[in-house]
PDB file of N, CA and C in Angstrom:
ATOM      1  N   MET A   1     -25.199 -16.248 -77.898  1.00  0.00           N
ATOM      2  CA  MET A   1     -26.304 -16.883 -77.205  1.00  0.00           C
ATOM      3  C   MET A   1     -26.867 -15.941 -76.147  1.00  0.00           C
ATOM      4  N   ALA A   2     -28.154 -16.000 -76.004  1.00  0.00           N
ATOM      5  CA  ALA A   2     -28.833 -15.228 -74.969  1.00  0.00           C
ATOM      6  C   ALA A   2     -29.740 -16.179 -74.198  1.00  0.00           C
ATOM      7  N   LEU A   3     -29.972 -15.860 -72.967  1.00  0.00           N
ATOM      8  CA  LEU A   3     -30.919 -16.614 -72.162  1.00  0.00           C
ATOM      9  C   LEU A   3     -32.213 -15.819 -72.109  1.00  0.00           C
ATOM     10  N   VAL A   4     -33.314 -16.506 -72.353  1.00  0.00           N
ATOM     11  CA  VAL A   4     -34.628 -15.869 -72.397  1.00  0.00           C
ATOM     12  C   VAL A   4     -35.524 -16.579 -71.393  1.00  0.00           C
ATOM     13  N   LYS A   5     -36.083 -15.814 -70.472  1.00  0.00           N
ATOM     14  CA  LYS A   5     -36.986 -16.391 -69.480  1.00  0.00           C
ATOM     15  C   LYS A   5     -38.421 -16.120 -69.916  1.00  0.00           C
ATOM     16  N   TYR A   6     -39.169 -17.197 -70.070  1.00  0.00           N
ATOM     17  CA  TYR A   6     -40.585 -17.102 -70.419  1.00  0.00           C
ATOM     18  C   TYR A   6     -41.388 -17.426 -69.162  1.00  0.00           C
ATOM     19  N   SER A   7     -42.208 -16.480 -68.717  1.00  0.00           N
ATOM     20  CA  SER A   7     -42.945 -16.672 -67.467  1.00  0.00           C
ATOM     21  C   SER A   7     -44.390 -17.114 -67.695  1.00  0.00           C
ATOM     22  N   GLY A   8     -44.710 -17.538 -68.910  1.00  0.00           N
ATOM     23  CA  GLY A   8     -46.038 -18.064 -69.179  1.00  0.00           C
ATOM     24  C   GLY A   8     -46.204 -19.460 -68.598  1.00  0.00           C
ATOM     25  N   LEU A   9     -47.419 -19.960 -68.626  1.00  0.00           N
ATOM     26  CA  LEU A   9     -47.710 -21.281 -68.079  1.00  0.00           C
ATOM     27  C   LEU A   9     -47.805 -22.351 -69.158  1.00  0.00           C
ATOM     28  N   ASN A  10     -47.606 -21.957 -70.403  1.00  0.00           N
ATOM     29  CA  ASN A  10     -47.711 -22.898 -71.513  1.00  0.00           C
ATOM     30  C   ASN A  10     -46.430 -22.860 -72.343  1.00  0.00           C
ATOM     31  N   VAL A  11     -46.369 -23.713 -73.340  1.00  0.00           N
ATOM     32  CA  VAL A  11     -45.241 -23.695 -74.269  1.00  0.00           C
ATOM     33  C   VAL A  11     -45.577 -22.684 -75.361  1.00  0.00           C
ATOM     34  N   LEU A  12     -44.639 -21.779 -75.623  1.00  0.00           N
ATOM     35  CA  LEU A  12     -44.826 -20.757 -76.636  1.00  0.00           C
ATOM     36  C   LEU A  12     -43.949 -21.079 -77.835  1.00  0.00           C
ATOM     37  N   THR A  13     -44.526 -21.018 -79.029  1.00  0.00           N
ATOM     38  CA  THR A  13     -43.758 -21.183 -80.258  1.00  0.00           C
ATOM     39  C   THR A  13     -43.923 -19.909 -81.070  1.00  0.00           C
ATOM     40  N   CYS A  14     -42.803 -19.341 -81.456  1.00  0.00           N
ATOM     41  CA  CYS A  14     -42.817 -18.108 -82.225  1.00  0.00           C
ATOM     42  C   CYS A  14     -41.726 -18.187 -83.283  1.00  0.00           C
ATOM     43  N   ASN A  15     -42.089 -18.056 -84.541  1.00  0.00           N
ATOM     44  CA  ASN A  15     -41.130 -18.161 -85.659  1.00  0.00           C
ATOM     45  C   ASN A  15     -40.338 -19.464 -85.611  1.00  0.00           C
ATOM     46  N   GLY A  16     -40.973 -20.530 -85.198  1.00  0.00           N
ATOM     47  CA  GLY A  16     -40.318 -21.831 -85.153  1.00  0.00           C
ATOM     48  C   GLY A  16     -39.465 -22.062 -83.916  1.00  0.00           C
ATOM     49  N   GLN A  17     -39.342 -21.092 -83.050  1.00  0.00           N
ATOM     50  CA  GLN A  17     -38.556 -21.222 -81.815  1.00  0.00           C
ATOM     51  C   GLN A  17     -39.508 -21.584 -80.682  1.00  0.00           C
ATOM     52  N   ARG A  18     -39.173 -22.637 -79.940  1.00  0.00           N
ATOM     53  CA  ARG A  18     -40.017 -23.109 -78.846  1.00  0.00           C
ATOM     54  C   ARG A  18     -39.500 -22.550 -77.521  1.00  0.00           C
ATOM     55  N   PHE A  19     -40.405 -22.052 -76.710  1.00  0.00           N
ATOM     56  CA  PHE A  19     -40.067 -21.534 -75.389  1.00  0.00           C
ATOM     57  C   PHE A  19     -40.865 -22.294 -74.345  1.00  0.00           C
ATOM     58  N   LEU A  20     -40.159 -22.981 -73.463  1.00  0.00           N
ATOM     59  CA  LEU A  20     -40.795 -23.623 -72.321  1.00  0.00           C
ATOM     60  C   LEU A  20     -40.875 -22.603 -71.196  1.00  0.00           C
ATOM     61  N   PRO A  21     -41.806 -22.766 -70.272  1.00  0.00           N
ATOM     62  CA  PRO A  21     -41.786 -21.885 -69.105  1.00  0.00           C
ATOM     63  C   PRO A  21     -40.434 -22.010 -68.404  1.00  0.00           C
ATOM     64  N   GLY A  22     -39.864 -20.898 -68.022  1.00  0.00           N
ATOM     65  CA  GLY A  22     -38.543 -20.893 -67.406  1.00  0.00           C
ATOM     66  C   GLY A  22     -37.513 -20.314 -68.352  1.00  0.00           C
ATOM     67  N   VAL A  23     -36.242 -20.652 -68.122  1.00  0.00           N
ATOM     68  CA  VAL A  23     -35.133 -20.090 -68.888  1.00  0.00           C
ATOM     69  C   VAL A  23     -34.831 -20.962 -70.101  1.00  0.00           C
ATOM     70  N   ASN A  24     -34.712 -20.327 -71.260  1.00  0.00           N
ATOM     71  CA  ASN A  24     -34.418 -20.985 -72.528  1.00  0.00           C
ATOM     72  C   ASN A  24     -33.188 -20.326 -73.145  1.00  0.00           C
ATOM     73  N   GLU A  25     -32.453 -21.086 -73.936  1.00  0.00           N
ATOM     74  CA  GLU A  25     -31.291 -20.558 -74.634  1.00  0.00           C
ATOM     75  C   GLU A  25     -31.685 -20.261 -76.082  1.00  0.00           C
ATOM     76  N   VAL A  26     -31.315 -19.074 -76.566  1.00  0.00           N
ATOM     77  CA  VAL A  26     -31.673 -18.656 -77.919  1.00  0.00           C
ATOM     78  C   VAL A  26     -30.438 -18.073 -78.596  1.00  0.00           C
ATOM     79  N   ASP A  27     -30.216 -18.463 -79.844  1.00  0.00           N
ATOM     80  CA  ASP A  27     -29.126 -17.924 -80.631  1.00  0.00           C
ATOM     81  C   ASP A  27     -29.352 -16.426 -80.850  1.00  0.00           C
ATOM     82  N   ALA A  28     -28.281 -15.644 -80.851  1.00  0.00           N
ATOM     83  CA  ALA A  28     -28.390 -14.190 -80.976  1.00  0.00           C
ATOM     84  C   ALA A  28     -29.086 -13.777 -82.275  1.00  0.00           C
ATOM     85  N   GLY A  29     -28.785 -14.446 -83.372  1.00  0.00           N
ATOM     86  CA  GLY A  29     -29.424 -14.118 -84.647  1.00  0.00           C
ATOM     87  C   GLY A  29     -30.917 -14.398 -84.634  1.00  0.00           C
ATOM     88  N   VAL A  30     -31.290 -15.513 -84.028  1.00  0.00           N
ATOM     89  CA  VAL A  30     -32.709 -15.875 -83.914  1.00  0.00           C
ATOM     90  C   VAL A  30     -33.424 -14.862 -83.027  1.00  0.00           C
ATOM     91  N   LEU A  31     -32.768 -14.463 -81.940  1.00  0.00           N
ATOM     92  CA  LEU A  31     -33.373 -13.499 -81.024  1.00  0.00           C
ATOM     93  C   LEU A  31     -33.613 -12.166 -81.730  1.00  0.00           C
ATOM     94  N   LYS A  32     -32.667 -11.771 -82.553  1.00  0.00           N
ATOM     95  CA  LYS A  32     -32.815 -10.512 -83.292  1.00  0.00           C
ATOM     96  C   LYS A  32     -34.067 -10.551 -84.178  1.00  0.00           C
ATOM     97  N   SER A  33     -34.279 -11.671 -84.860  1.00  0.00           N
ATOM     98  CA  SER A  33     -35.465 -11.772 -85.712  1.00  0.00           C
ATOM     99  C   SER A  33     -36.742 -11.904 -84.881  1.00  0.00           C
ATOM    100  N   LEU A  34     -36.661 -12.566 -83.734  1.00  0.00           N
ATOM    101  CA  LEU A  34     -37.835 -12.690 -82.868  1.00  0.00           C
ATOM    102  C   LEU A  34     -38.291 -11.325 -82.353  1.00  0.00           C
ATOM    103  N   LEU A  35     -37.333 -10.455 -82.086  1.00  0.00           N
ATOM    104  CA  LEU A  35     -37.680  -9.133 -81.572  1.00  0.00           C
ATOM    105  C   LEU A  35     -38.421  -8.285 -82.607  1.00  0.00           C
ATOM    106  N   GLN A  36     -38.380  -8.703 -83.853  1.00  0.00           N
ATOM    107  CA  GLN A  36     -39.139  -8.022 -84.901  1.00  0.00           C
ATOM    108  C   GLN A  36     -40.580  -8.540 -84.983  1.00  0.00           C
ATOM    109  N   HIS A  37     -40.831  -9.698 -84.383  1.00  0.00           N
ATOM    110  CA  HIS A  37     -42.165 -10.308 -84.423  1.00  0.00           C
ATOM    111  C   HIS A  37     -43.079  -9.576 -83.425  1.00  0.00           C
ATOM    112  N   PRO A  38     -44.237  -9.091 -83.868  1.00  0.00           N
ATOM    113  CA  PRO A  38     -45.091  -8.290 -82.984  1.00  0.00           C
ATOM    114  C   PRO A  38     -45.586  -9.025 -81.735  1.00  0.00           C
ATOM    115  N   LEU A  39     -45.916 -10.310 -81.859  1.00  0.00           N
ATOM    116  CA  LEU A  39     -46.406 -11.042 -80.683  1.00  0.00           C
ATOM    117  C   LEU A  39     -45.292 -11.286 -79.671  1.00  0.00           C
ATOM    118  N   PHE A  40     -44.094 -11.578 -80.156  1.00  0.00           N
ATOM    119  CA  PHE A  40     -42.952 -11.771 -79.263  1.00  0.00           C
ATOM    120  C   PHE A  40     -42.616 -10.448 -78.578  1.00  0.00           C
ATOM    121  N   LYS A  41     -42.565  -9.385 -79.360  1.00  0.00           N
ATOM    122  CA  LYS A  41     -42.232  -8.064 -78.824  1.00  0.00           C
ATOM    123  C   LYS A  41     -43.256  -7.639 -77.770  1.00  0.00           C
ATOM    124  N   ALA A  42     -44.529  -7.937 -78.011  1.00  0.00           N
ATOM    125  CA  ALA A  42     -45.573  -7.588 -77.041  1.00  0.00           C
ATOM    126  C   ALA A  42     -45.345  -8.309 -75.718  1.00  0.00           C
ATOM    127  N   ARG A  43     -44.905  -9.561 -75.783  1.00  0.00           N
ATOM    128  CA  ARG A  43     -44.633 -10.316 -74.547  1.00  0.00           C
ATOM    129  C   ARG A  43     -43.399  -9.770 -73.822  1.00  0.00           C
ATOM    130  N   VAL A  44     -42.408  -9.315 -74.582  1.00  0.00           N
ATOM    131  CA  VAL A  44     -41.232  -8.687 -73.969  1.00  0.00           C
ATOM    132  C   VAL A  44     -41.662  -7.392 -73.279  1.00  0.00           C
ATOM    133  N   ASP A  45     -42.449  -6.587 -73.974  1.00  0.00           N
ATOM    134  CA  ASP A  45     -42.907  -5.306 -73.424  1.00  0.00           C
ATOM    135  C   ASP A  45     -43.771  -5.494 -72.184  1.00  0.00           C
ATOM    136  N   SER A  46     -44.559  -6.560 -72.151  1.00  0.00           N
ATOM    137  CA  SER A  46     -45.434  -6.801 -70.995  1.00  0.00           C
ATOM    138  C   SER A  46     -44.711  -7.468 -69.825  1.00  0.00           C
ATOM    139  N   GLY A  47     -43.485  -7.927 -70.056  1.00  0.00           N
ATOM    140  CA  GLY A  47     -42.719  -8.566 -68.988  1.00  0.00           C
ATOM    141  C   GLY A  47     -42.889 -10.072 -68.922  1.00  0.00           C
ATOM    142  N   LYS A  48     -43.682 -10.646 -69.816  1.00  0.00           N
ATOM    143  CA  LYS A  48     -43.850 -12.111 -69.842  1.00  0.00           C
ATOM    144  C   LYS A  48     -42.581 -12.808 -70.314  1.00  0.00           C
ATOM    145  N   ILE A  49     -41.782 -12.086 -71.116  1.00  0.00           N
ATOM    146  CA  ILE A  49     -40.502 -12.600 -71.594  1.00  0.00           C
ATOM    147  C   ILE A  49     -39.423 -11.628 -71.160  1.00  0.00           C
ATOM    148  N   THR A  50     -38.380 -12.172 -70.531  1.00  0.00           N
ATOM    149  CA  THR A  50     -37.234 -11.379 -70.100  1.00  0.00           C
ATOM    150  C   THR A  50     -36.004 -11.889 -70.819  1.00  0.00           C
ATOM    151  N   ILE A  51     -35.222 -10.984 -71.371  1.00  0.00           N
ATOM    152  CA  ILE A  51     -34.010 -11.358 -72.096  1.00  0.00           C
ATOM    153  C   ILE A  51     -32.807 -11.003 -71.238  1.00  0.00           C
ATOM    154  N   PHE A  52     -31.958 -12.003 -71.004  1.00  0.00           N
ATOM    155  CA  PHE A  52     -30.736 -11.802 -70.243  1.00  0.00           C
ATOM    156  C   PHE A  52     -29.565 -11.813 -71.213  1.00  0.00           C
ATOM    157  N   GLU A  53     -28.860 -10.718 -71.316  1.00  0.00           N
ATOM    158  CA  GLU A  53     -27.633 -10.699 -72.109  1.00  0.00           C
ATOM    159  C   GLU A  53     -26.549 -11.285 -71.213  1.00  0.00           C
ATOM    160  N   VAL A  54     -26.085 -12.444 -71.564  1.00  0.00           N
ATOM    161  CA  VAL A  54     -25.164 -13.182 -70.718  1.00  0.00           C
ATOM    162  C   VAL A  54     -23.725 -12.894 -71.144  1.00  0.00           C
ATOM    163  N   PRO A  55     -22.892 -12.456 -70.203  1.00  0.00           N
ATOM    164  CA  PRO A  55     -21.487 -12.209 -70.545  1.00  0.00           C
ATOM    165  C   PRO A  55     -20.770 -13.526 -70.836  1.00  0.00           C
ATOM    166  N   LYS A  56     -19.711 -13.463 -71.584  1.00  0.00           N
ATOM    167  CA  LYS A  56     -18.915 -14.648 -71.912  1.00  0.00           C
ATOM    168  C   LYS A  56     -17.514 -14.493 -71.333  1.00  0.00           C
ATOM    169  N   GLU A  57     -16.940 -15.615 -70.915  1.00  0.00           N
ATOM    170  CA  GLU A  57     -15.566 -15.613 -70.449  1.00  0.00           C
ATOM    171  C   GLU A  57     -14.642 -15.714 -71.661  1.00  0.00           C
ATOM    172  N   SER A  58     -13.340 -15.661 -71.434  1.00  0.00           N
ATOM    173  CA  SER A  58     -12.372 -15.700 -72.537  1.00  0.00           C
ATOM    174  C   SER A  58     -12.463 -16.993 -73.351  1.00  0.00           C
ATOM    175  N   ASP A  59     -12.915 -18.088 -72.723  1.00  0.00           N
ATOM    176  CA  ASP A  59     -13.046 -19.357 -73.443  1.00  0.00           C
ATOM    177  C   ASP A  59     -14.393 -19.476 -74.167  1.00  0.00           C
ATOM    178  N   GLY A  60     -15.210 -18.425 -74.111  1.00  0.00           N
ATOM    179  CA  GLY A  60     -16.486 -18.421 -74.810  1.00  0.00           C
ATOM    180  C   GLY A  60     -17.648 -18.982 -74.004  1.00  0.00           C
ATOM    181  N   LYS A  61     -17.378 -19.437 -72.790  1.00  0.00           N
ATOM    182  CA  LYS A  61     -18.433 -20.015 -71.958  1.00  0.00           C
ATOM    183  C   LYS A  61     -19.059 -18.947 -71.069  1.00  0.00           C
ATOM    184  N   THR A  62     -20.283 -19.218 -70.678  1.00  0.00           N
ATOM    185  CA  THR A  62     -20.989 -18.353 -69.742  1.00  0.00           C
ATOM    186  C   THR A  62     -20.365 -18.538 -68.356  1.00  0.00           C
ATOM    187  N   PRO A  63     -20.152 -17.462 -67.603  1.00  0.00           N
ATOM    188  CA  PRO A  63     -19.569 -17.592 -66.263  1.00  0.00           C
ATOM    189  C   PRO A  63     -20.392 -18.529 -65.368  1.00  0.00           C
ATOM    190  N   VAL A  64     -19.702 -19.267 -64.524  1.00  0.00           N
ATOM    191  CA  VAL A  64     -20.339 -20.244 -63.633  1.00  0.00           C
ATOM    192  C   VAL A  64     -21.409 -19.579 -62.772  1.00  0.00           C
ATOM    193  N   LYS A  65     -21.068 -18.447 -62.192  1.00  0.00           N
ATOM    194  CA  LYS A  65     -21.995 -17.753 -61.298  1.00  0.00           C
ATOM    195  C   LYS A  65     -23.301 -17.410 -62.017  1.00  0.00           C
ATOM    196  N   GLU A  66     -23.189 -16.973 -63.271  1.00  0.00           N
ATOM    197  CA  GLU A  66     -24.365 -16.614 -64.072  1.00  0.00           C
ATOM    198  C   GLU A  66     -25.225 -17.846 -64.366  1.00  0.00           C
ATOM    199  N   LEU A  67     -24.579 -18.945 -64.756  1.00  0.00           N
ATOM    200  CA  LEU A  67     -25.325 -20.178 -65.049  1.00  0.00           C
ATOM    201  C   LEU A  67     -26.005 -20.727 -63.800  1.00  0.00           C
ATOM    202  N   LEU A  68     -25.287 -20.717 -62.687  1.00  0.00           N
ATOM    203  CA  LEU A  68     -25.863 -21.247 -61.447  1.00  0.00           C
ATOM    204  C   LEU A  68     -27.090 -20.451 -61.011  1.00  0.00           C
ATOM    205  N   LYS A  69     -27.135 -19.192 -61.386  1.00  0.00           N
ATOM    206  CA  LYS A  69     -28.289 -18.350 -61.071  1.00  0.00           C
ATOM    207  C   LYS A  69     -29.509 -18.757 -61.910  1.00  0.00           C
ATOM    208  N   HIS A  70     -29.282 -19.226 -63.151  1.00  0.00           N
ATOM    209  CA  HIS A  70     -30.390 -19.526 -64.056  1.00  0.00           C
ATOM    210  C   HIS A  70     -30.792 -21.000 -64.108  1.00  0.00           C
ATOM    211  N   ILE A  71     -29.904 -21.913 -63.788  1.00  0.00           N
ATOM    212  CA  ILE A  71     -30.206 -23.353 -63.904  1.00  0.00           C
ATOM    213  C   ILE A  71     -31.461 -23.770 -63.124  1.00  0.00           C
ATOM    214  N   PRO A  72     -31.706 -23.261 -61.912  1.00  0.00           N
ATOM    215  CA  PRO A  72     -32.930 -23.683 -61.212  1.00  0.00           C
ATOM    216  C   PRO A  72     -34.223 -23.317 -61.939  1.00  0.00           C
ATOM    217  N   ASN A  73     -34.146 -22.410 -62.901  1.00  0.00           N
ATOM    218  CA  ASN A  73     -35.331 -22.022 -63.677  1.00  0.00           C
ATOM    219  C   ASN A  73     -35.334 -22.618 -65.068  1.00  0.00           C
ATOM    220  N   MET A  74     -34.467 -23.577 -65.336  1.00  0.00           N
ATOM    221  CA  MET A  74     -34.423 -24.236 -66.635  1.00  0.00           C
ATOM    222  C   MET A  74     -35.235 -25.524 -66.573  1.00  0.00           C
ATOM    223  N   TYR A  75     -36.182 -25.663 -67.496  1.00  0.00           N
ATOM    224  CA  TYR A  75     -37.016 -26.862 -67.555  1.00  0.00           C
ATOM    225  C   TYR A  75     -36.909 -27.554 -68.901  1.00  0.00           C
ATOM    226  N   ASP A  76     -35.959 -27.120 -69.712  1.00  0.00           N
ATOM    227  CA  ASP A  76     -35.706 -27.705 -71.023  1.00  0.00           C
ATOM    228  C   ASP A  76     -34.693 -28.835 -70.856  1.00  0.00           C
ATOM    229  N   LYS A  77     -35.173 -30.056 -70.975  1.00  0.00           N
ATOM    230  CA  LYS A  77     -34.324 -31.228 -70.752  1.00  0.00           C
ATOM    231  C   LYS A  77     -33.126 -31.232 -71.704  1.00  0.00           C
ATOM    232  N   GLN A  78     -33.339 -30.865 -72.963  1.00  0.00           N
ATOM    233  CA  GLN A  78     -32.248 -30.860 -73.942  1.00  0.00           C
ATOM    234  C   GLN A  78     -31.170 -29.848 -73.565  1.00  0.00           C
ATOM    235  N   LEU A  79     -31.560 -28.688 -73.098  1.00  0.00           N
ATOM    236  CA  LEU A  79     -30.590 -27.672 -72.690  1.00  0.00           C
ATOM    237  C   LEU A  79     -29.787 -28.149 -71.487  1.00  0.00           C
ATOM    238  N   LEU A  80     -30.457 -28.745 -70.513  1.00  0.00           N
ATOM    239  CA  LEU A  80     -29.752 -29.249 -69.331  1.00  0.00           C
ATOM    240  C   LEU A  80     -28.801 -30.386 -69.696  1.00  0.00           C
ATOM    241  N   GLU A  81     -29.241 -31.284 -70.575  1.00  0.00           N
ATOM    242  CA  GLU A  81     -28.364 -32.381 -71.009  1.00  0.00           C
ATOM    243  C   GLU A  81     -27.157 -31.842 -71.777  1.00  0.00           C
ATOM    244  N   LYS A  82     -27.361 -30.781 -72.537  1.00  0.00           N
ATOM    245  CA  LYS A  82     -26.253 -30.142 -73.263  1.00  0.00           C
ATOM    246  C   LYS A  82     -25.237 -29.583 -72.265  1.00  0.00           C
ATOM    247  N   LEU A  83     -25.719 -28.952 -71.212  1.00  0.00           N
ATOM    248  CA  LEU A  83     -24.811 -28.423 -70.192  1.00  0.00           C
ATOM    249  C   LEU A  83     -24.020 -29.544 -69.527  1.00  0.00           C
ATOM    250  N   VAL A  84     -24.687 -30.648 -69.235  1.00  0.00           N
ATOM    251  CA  VAL A  84     -24.007 -31.784 -68.589  1.00  0.00           C
ATOM    252  C   VAL A  84     -22.920 -32.351 -69.498  1.00  0.00           C
ATOM    253  N   SER A  85     -23.235 -32.488 -70.779  1.00  0.00           N
ATOM    254  CA  SER A  85     -22.289 -33.157 -71.680  1.00  0.00           C
ATOM    255  C   SER A  85     -21.193 -32.254 -72.221  1.00  0.00           C
ATOM    256  N   THR A  86     -21.429 -30.948 -72.317  1.00  0.00           N
ATOM    257  CA  THR A  86     -20.439 -30.097 -72.970  1.00  0.00           C
ATOM    258  C   THR A  86     -19.755 -29.082 -72.072  1.00  0.00           C
ATOM    259  N   ASP A  87     -20.332 -28.745 -70.921  1.00  0.00           N
ATOM    260  CA  ASP A  87     -19.749 -27.658 -70.142  1.00  0.00           C
ATOM    261  C   ASP A  87     -18.424 -28.037 -69.488  1.00  0.00           C
ATOM    262  N   GLY A  88     -18.389 -29.135 -68.774  1.00  0.00           N
ATOM    263  CA  GLY A  88     -17.147 -29.600 -68.180  1.00  0.00           C
ATOM    264  C   GLY A  88     -16.772 -28.991 -66.845  1.00  0.00           C
ATOM    265  N   ARG A  89     -17.470 -27.976 -66.388  1.00  0.00           N
ATOM    266  CA  ARG A  89     -17.165 -27.384 -65.080  1.00  0.00           C
ATOM    267  C   ARG A  89     -18.017 -28.078 -64.031  1.00  0.00           C
ATOM    268  N   ALA A  90     -17.376 -28.566 -62.990  1.00  0.00           N
ATOM    269  CA  ALA A  90     -18.025 -29.433 -61.996  1.00  0.00           C
ATOM    270  C   ALA A  90     -19.287 -28.817 -61.395  1.00  0.00           C
ATOM    271  N   GLN A  91     -19.230 -27.546 -61.022  1.00  0.00           N
ATOM    272  CA  GLN A  91     -20.389 -26.904 -60.386  1.00  0.00           C
ATOM    273  C   GLN A  91     -21.580 -26.843 -61.335  1.00  0.00           C
ATOM    274  N   VAL A  92     -21.321 -26.501 -62.589  1.00  0.00           N
ATOM    275  CA  VAL A  92     -22.393 -26.380 -63.577  1.00  0.00           C
ATOM    276  C   VAL A  92     -22.997 -27.748 -63.870  1.00  0.00           C
ATOM    277  N   VAL A  93     -22.130 -28.749 -64.058  1.00  0.00           N
ATOM    278  CA  VAL A  93     -22.595 -30.108 -64.353  1.00  0.00           C
ATOM    279  C   VAL A  93     -23.445 -30.633 -63.198  1.00  0.00           C
ATOM    280  N   LYS A  94     -22.990 -30.411 -61.975  1.00  0.00           N
ATOM    281  CA  LYS A  94     -23.727 -30.881 -60.794  1.00  0.00           C
ATOM    282  C   LYS A  94     -25.098 -30.205 -60.712  1.00  0.00           C
ATOM    283  N   ALA A  95     -25.137 -28.887 -60.900  1.00  0.00           N
ATOM    284  CA  ALA A  95     -26.406 -28.160 -60.828  1.00  0.00           C
ATOM    285  C   ALA A  95     -27.360 -28.605 -61.937  1.00  0.00           C
ATOM    286  N   ALA A  96     -26.829 -28.823 -63.144  1.00  0.00           N
ATOM    287  CA  ALA A  96     -27.670 -29.258 -64.262  1.00  0.00           C
ATOM    288  C   ALA A  96     -28.216 -30.668 -64.005  1.00  0.00           C
ATOM    289  N   LYS A  97     -27.374 -31.565 -63.464  1.00  0.00           N
ATOM    290  CA  LYS A  97     -27.842 -32.924 -63.146  1.00  0.00           C
ATOM    291  C   LYS A  97     -28.923 -32.888 -62.072  1.00  0.00           C
ATOM    292  N   GLU A  98     -28.737 -32.040 -61.066  1.00  0.00           N
ATOM    293  CA  GLU A  98     -29.742 -31.931 -60.006  1.00  0.00           C
ATOM    294  C   GLU A  98     -31.069 -31.416 -60.563  1.00  0.00           C
ATOM    295  N   GLN A  99     -30.996 -30.445 -61.475  1.00  0.00           N
ATOM    296  CA  GLN A  99     -32.224 -29.925 -62.081  1.00  0.00           C
ATOM    297  C   GLN A  99     -32.882 -30.982 -62.968  1.00  0.00           C
ATOM    298  N   LEU A 100     -32.069 -31.743 -63.697  1.00  0.00           N
ATOM    299  CA  LEU A 100     -32.615 -32.840 -64.514  1.00  0.00           C
ATOM    300  C   LEU A 100     -33.331 -33.858 -63.637  1.00  0.00           C
ATOM    301  N   ASP A 101     -32.720 -34.215 -62.505  1.00  0.00           N
ATOM    302  CA  ASP A 101     -33.352 -35.157 -61.582  1.00  0.00           C
ATOM    303  C   ASP A 101     -34.682 -34.603 -61.060  1.00  0.00           C
ATOM    304  N   LYS A 102     -34.695 -33.308 -60.810  1.00  0.00           N
ATOM    305  CA  LYS A 102     -35.886 -32.667 -60.265  1.00  0.00           C
ATOM    306  C   LYS A 102     -37.044 -32.655 -61.271  1.00  0.00           C
ATOM    307  N   ILE A 103     -36.733 -32.471 -62.546  1.00  0.00           N
ATOM    308  CA  ILE A 103     -37.802 -32.355 -63.544  1.00  0.00           C
ATOM    309  C   ILE A 103     -38.128 -33.665 -64.242  1.00  0.00           C
ATOM    310  N   SER A 104     -37.326 -34.695 -64.005  1.00  0.00           N
ATOM    311  CA  SER A 104     -37.553 -35.975 -64.672  1.00  0.00           C
ATOM    312  C   SER A 104     -38.725 -36.716 -64.051  1.00  0.00           C
ATOM    313  N   VAL A 105     -39.382 -37.509 -64.853  1.00  0.00           N
ATOM    314  CA  VAL A 105     -40.496 -38.326 -64.395  1.00  0.00           C
ATOM    315  C   VAL A 105     -39.929 -39.458 -63.542  1.00  0.00           C
ATOM    316  N   PRO A 106     -40.527 -39.744 -62.389  1.00  0.00           N
ATOM    317  CA  PRO A 106     -40.002 -40.818 -61.559  1.00  0.00           C
ATOM    318  C   PRO A 106     -40.162 -42.179 -62.240  1.00  0.00           C
ATOM    319  N   LYS A 107     -39.282 -43.100 -61.879  1.00  0.00           N
ATOM    320  CA  LYS A 107     -39.391 -44.460 -62.409  1.00  0.00           C
ATOM    321  C   LYS A 107     -40.737 -45.051 -61.996  1.00  0.00           C
ATOM    322  N   ALA A 108     -41.245 -45.966 -62.789  1.00  0.00           N
ATOM    323  CA  ALA A 108     -42.562 -46.547 -62.543  1.00  0.00           C
ATOM    324  C   ALA A 108     -42.662 -47.151 -61.140  1.00  0.00           C
ATOM    325  N   GLU A 109     -41.610 -47.882 -60.714  1.00  0.00           N
ATOM    326  CA  GLU A 109     -41.684 -48.503 -59.394  1.00  0.00           C
ATOM    327  C   GLU A 109     -41.689 -47.458 -58.281  1.00  0.00           C
ATOM    328  N   ASP A 110     -40.987 -46.327 -58.475  1.00  0.00           N
ATOM    329  CA  ASP A 110     -41.000 -45.257 -57.485  1.00  0.00           C
ATOM    330  C   ASP A 110     -42.365 -44.591 -57.431  1.00  0.00           C
ATOM    331  N   ALA A 111     -42.966 -44.371 -58.595  1.00  0.00           N
ATOM    332  CA  ALA A 111     -44.283 -43.749 -58.651  1.00  0.00           C
ATOM    333  C   ALA A 111     -45.324 -44.643 -57.977  1.00  0.00           C
ATOM    334  N   LYS A 112     -45.246 -45.959 -58.212  1.00  0.00           N
ATOM    335  CA  LYS A 112     -46.191 -46.892 -57.598  1.00  0.00           C
ATOM    336  C   LYS A 112     -46.013 -46.888 -56.086  1.00  0.00           C
ATOM    337  N   LYS A 113     -44.764 -46.891 -55.631  1.00  0.00           N
ATOM    338  CA  LYS A 113     -44.478 -46.887 -54.200  1.00  0.00           C
ATOM    339  C   LYS A 113     -45.094 -45.634 -53.556  1.00  0.00           C
ATOM    340  N   GLU A 114     -44.879 -44.491 -54.189  1.00  0.00           N
ATOM    341  CA  GLU A 114     -45.433 -43.259 -53.645  1.00  0.00           C
ATOM    342  C   GLU A 114     -46.944 -43.286 -53.628  1.00  0.00           C
ATOM    343  N   SER A 115     -47.570 -43.787 -54.696  1.00  0.00           N
ATOM    344  CA  SER A 115     -49.031 -43.795 -54.724  1.00  0.00           C
ATOM    345  C   SER A 115     -49.591 -44.809 -53.730  1.00  0.00           C
ATOM    346  N   ASP A 116     -48.874 -45.922 -53.499  1.00  0.00           N
ATOM    347  CA  ASP A 116     -49.318 -46.892 -52.508  1.00  0.00           C
ATOM    348  C   ASP A 116     -49.281 -46.293 -51.112  1.00  0.00           C
ATOM    349  N   GLU A 117     -48.243 -45.509 -50.830  1.00  0.00           N
ATOM    350  CA  GLU A 117     -48.127 -44.902 -49.504  1.00  0.00           C
ATOM    351  C   GLU A 117     -49.280 -43.946 -49.241  1.00  0.00           C
ATOM    352  N   HIS A 118     -49.779 -43.353 -50.274  1.00  0.00           N
ATOM    353  CA  HIS A 118     -50.865 -42.379 -50.133  1.00  0.00           C
ATOM    354  C   HIS A 118     -52.128 -43.047 -49.577  1.00  0.00           C
ATOM    355  N   PHE A 119     -52.364 -44.312 -49.923  1.00  0.00           N
ATOM    356  CA  PHE A 119     -53.601 -44.972 -49.524  1.00  0.00           C
ATOM    357  C   PHE A 119     -53.500 -45.717 -48.202  1.00  0.00           C
ATOM    358  N   GLN A 120     -52.363 -45.694 -47.569  1.00  0.00           N
ATOM    359  CA  GLN A 120     -52.224 -46.427 -46.306  1.00  0.00           C
ATOM    360  C   GLN A 120     -52.591 -45.578 -45.133  1.00  0.00           C
TER     361      GLN A 120
END
């Protein structure tokens, strides 16, 4: 697995792989084929896409310090939910939950309360 940061303002789809703005997780085999795609390669060369080769610990997981550095730039709800459900390390789970809370749409009653306060 590699982490790929897309700094564009839109959702990019290339060879069936979707990239949200921010940090995305990509399988190594998929990344290898993406690097052969001219449009993807052009974005890497221009700096719009940054590839992070992430080291693995003996248990196959990404080090906590490395994940904590990238989680604030993750906007993929599925990736964050995967971290919450499968990682098991308290710091990573907490950071992923906080990021999920930050990017989630507020409940309808909270949104109404906020919009009502605006007009007072």
